Amino acid sequence: MRSKQGSTATQYFWGIADIFLEREDVTEGKLMDFPCLHVNGNFFSTCDHRSGDLIVKLPQARVTELIDSGAGEAFTPAGRTFKEWVLIKRRSKNAWVELMNESLAFVARKTG
């Protein structure tokens, strides 16, 4: 899947995503035509295919916290704000792994 849609912009994300794809409950899928990661069949993380910026699903309060601190931005594809999704521009492997783990745990709890 990613080989067809992968780009230079998304390589950083997929390098980190490979860590998560070692888990039995994590698979690749699509979210709004973006390649993404699923846990138990539900989306938890993706990246903007144009910029490579991280996009993760988190509790609304955590999204607000990340936006208010300047660490994240609202995820607003086509002008619609997704309240449980946040976009992270700053590339940091440790921060991305932490946020993706947080997202995975949040989505797994919701769908568990």
Protein backbone atom coordinates (compact mmCIF):
# COMPACT_ATOMS: atom_id res chain seq x y z
CA MET A 1 0.00 0.00 0.00
CA ARG A 2 2.58 2.59 0.97
CA SER A 3 4.83 1.74 -1.95
CA LYS A 4 2.16 3.07 -4.32
CA GLN A 5 1.45 6.19 -2.28
CA GLY A 6 4.71 6.75 -0.49
CA SER A 7 6.71 9.86 -1.19
CA THR A 8 9.84 11.55 0.04
CA ALA A 9 7.61 13.61 2.37
CA THR A 10 6.18 10.51 4.06
CA GLN A 11 9.40 8.52 4.48
CA TYR A 12 10.07 9.92 7.96
CA PHE A 13 6.62 8.83 9.15
CA TRP A 14 6.96 5.33 7.67
CA GLY A 15 10.37 4.89 9.24
CA ILE A 16 8.72 5.36 12.62
CA ALA A 17 5.55 3.49 11.63
CA ASP A 18 7.61 0.37 11.03
CA ILE A 19 8.14 0.16 14.81
CA PHE A 20 4.36 -0.08 15.27
CA LEU A 21 3.82 -2.46 12.37
CA GLU A 22 5.80 -5.09 14.27
CA ARG A 23 2.77 -5.44 16.57
CA GLU A 24 0.10 -7.99 15.67
CA ASP A 25 -2.76 -5.56 16.31
CA VAL A 26 -1.39 -2.76 14.09
CA THR A 27 -1.92 -2.75 10.33
CA GLU A 28 -1.75 -0.35 7.41
CA GLY A 29 -4.96 1.10 6.02
CA LYS A 30 -6.36 4.30 4.56
CA LEU A 31 -7.88 7.40 6.15
CA MET A 32 -9.36 9.91 3.70
CA ASP A 33 -7.14 8.33 1.05
CA PHE A 34 -4.00 8.82 3.23
CA PRO A 35 -2.08 5.66 4.11
CA CYS A 36 -2.38 5.27 7.87
CA LEU A 37 -2.00 2.94 10.83
CA HIS A 38 -4.91 1.03 12.35
CA VAL A 39 -5.17 -0.69 15.71
CA ASN A 40 -7.84 -3.37 15.85
CA GLY A 41 -9.18 -1.98 12.56
CA ASN A 42 -9.47 1.66 13.72
CA PHE A 43 -7.34 4.61 12.62
CA PHE A 44 -4.85 6.03 15.07
CA SER A 45 -2.04 7.68 13.11
CA THR A 46 -1.21 9.00 9.66
CA CYS A 47 0.76 11.75 8.02
CA ASP A 48 -0.01 14.49 5.57
CA HIS A 49 1.05 13.04 2.22
CA ARG A 50 2.20 16.48 1.00
CA SER A 51 4.28 17.61 3.99
CA GLY A 52 4.89 14.41 5.93
CA ASP A 53 3.56 16.05 9.12
CA LEU A 54 2.32 13.63 11.78
CA ILE A 55 -1.43 13.37 12.41
CA VAL A 56 -2.63 11.44 15.47
CA LYS A 57 -5.95 10.76 17.17
CA LEU A 58 -6.04 11.72 20.86
CA PRO A 59 -8.63 12.77 23.44
CA GLN A 60 -10.00 16.24 22.69
CA ALA A 61 -8.49 17.68 25.90
CA ARG A 62 -5.04 16.40 24.90
CA VAL A 63 -5.42 17.84 21.39
CA THR A 64 -6.31 21.22 22.91
CA GLU A 65 -3.30 20.98 25.24
CA LEU A 66 -0.93 20.30 22.33
CA ILE A 67 -2.39 23.16 20.28
CA ASP A 68 -2.34 25.61 23.21
CA SER A 69 1.30 24.75 23.97
CA GLY A 70 2.31 25.35 20.35
CA ALA A 71 3.39 21.73 19.88
CA GLY A 72 0.51 20.95 17.52
CA GLU A 73 -2.00 22.46 15.15
CA ALA A 74 -5.66 21.77 14.53
CA PHE A 75 -6.23 19.13 11.87
CA THR A 76 -8.59 20.81 9.42
CA PRO A 77 -8.80 19.00 6.08
CA ALA A 78 -11.10 20.82 3.67
CA GLY A 79 -11.76 23.44 6.39
CA ARG A 80 -13.44 21.01 8.81
CA THR A 81 -11.81 20.71 12.25
CA PHE A 82 -11.41 17.19 13.61
CA LYS A 83 -11.53 17.68 17.39
CA GLU A 84 -9.78 14.40 18.27
CA TRP A 85 -6.98 14.79 15.73
CA VAL A 86 -3.85 16.95 15.92
CA LEU A 87 -1.17 17.75 13.37
CA ILE A 88 2.46 17.82 14.51
CA LYS A 89 4.96 19.59 12.25
CA ARG A 90 8.14 19.34 14.32
CA ARG A 91 10.05 16.19 13.53
CA SER A 92 11.37 14.39 16.56
CA LYS A 93 11.54 10.61 16.60
CA ASN A 94 11.11 10.40 20.37
CA ALA A 95 8.16 12.81 20.39
CA TRP A 96 6.48 11.08 17.46
CA VAL A 97 6.90 7.61 18.98
CA GLU A 98 5.47 8.91 22.26
CA LEU A 99 2.49 10.58 20.55
CA MET A 100 1.83 7.56 18.35
CA ASN A 101 1.93 5.28 21.41
CA GLU A 102 -0.46 7.64 23.18
CA SER A 103 -2.75 7.60 20.15
CA LEU A 104 -2.60 3.82 19.82
CA ALA A 105 -3.54 3.39 23.49
CA PHE A 106 -6.40 5.91 23.20
CA VAL A 107 -7.92 4.28 20.11
CA ALA A 108 -7.42 0.75 21.45
CA ARG A 109 -9.29 1.74 24.67
CA LYS A 110 -12.16 3.27 22.69
CA THR A 111 -12.57 0.19 20.52
CA GLY A 112 -11.41 -2.44 22.98
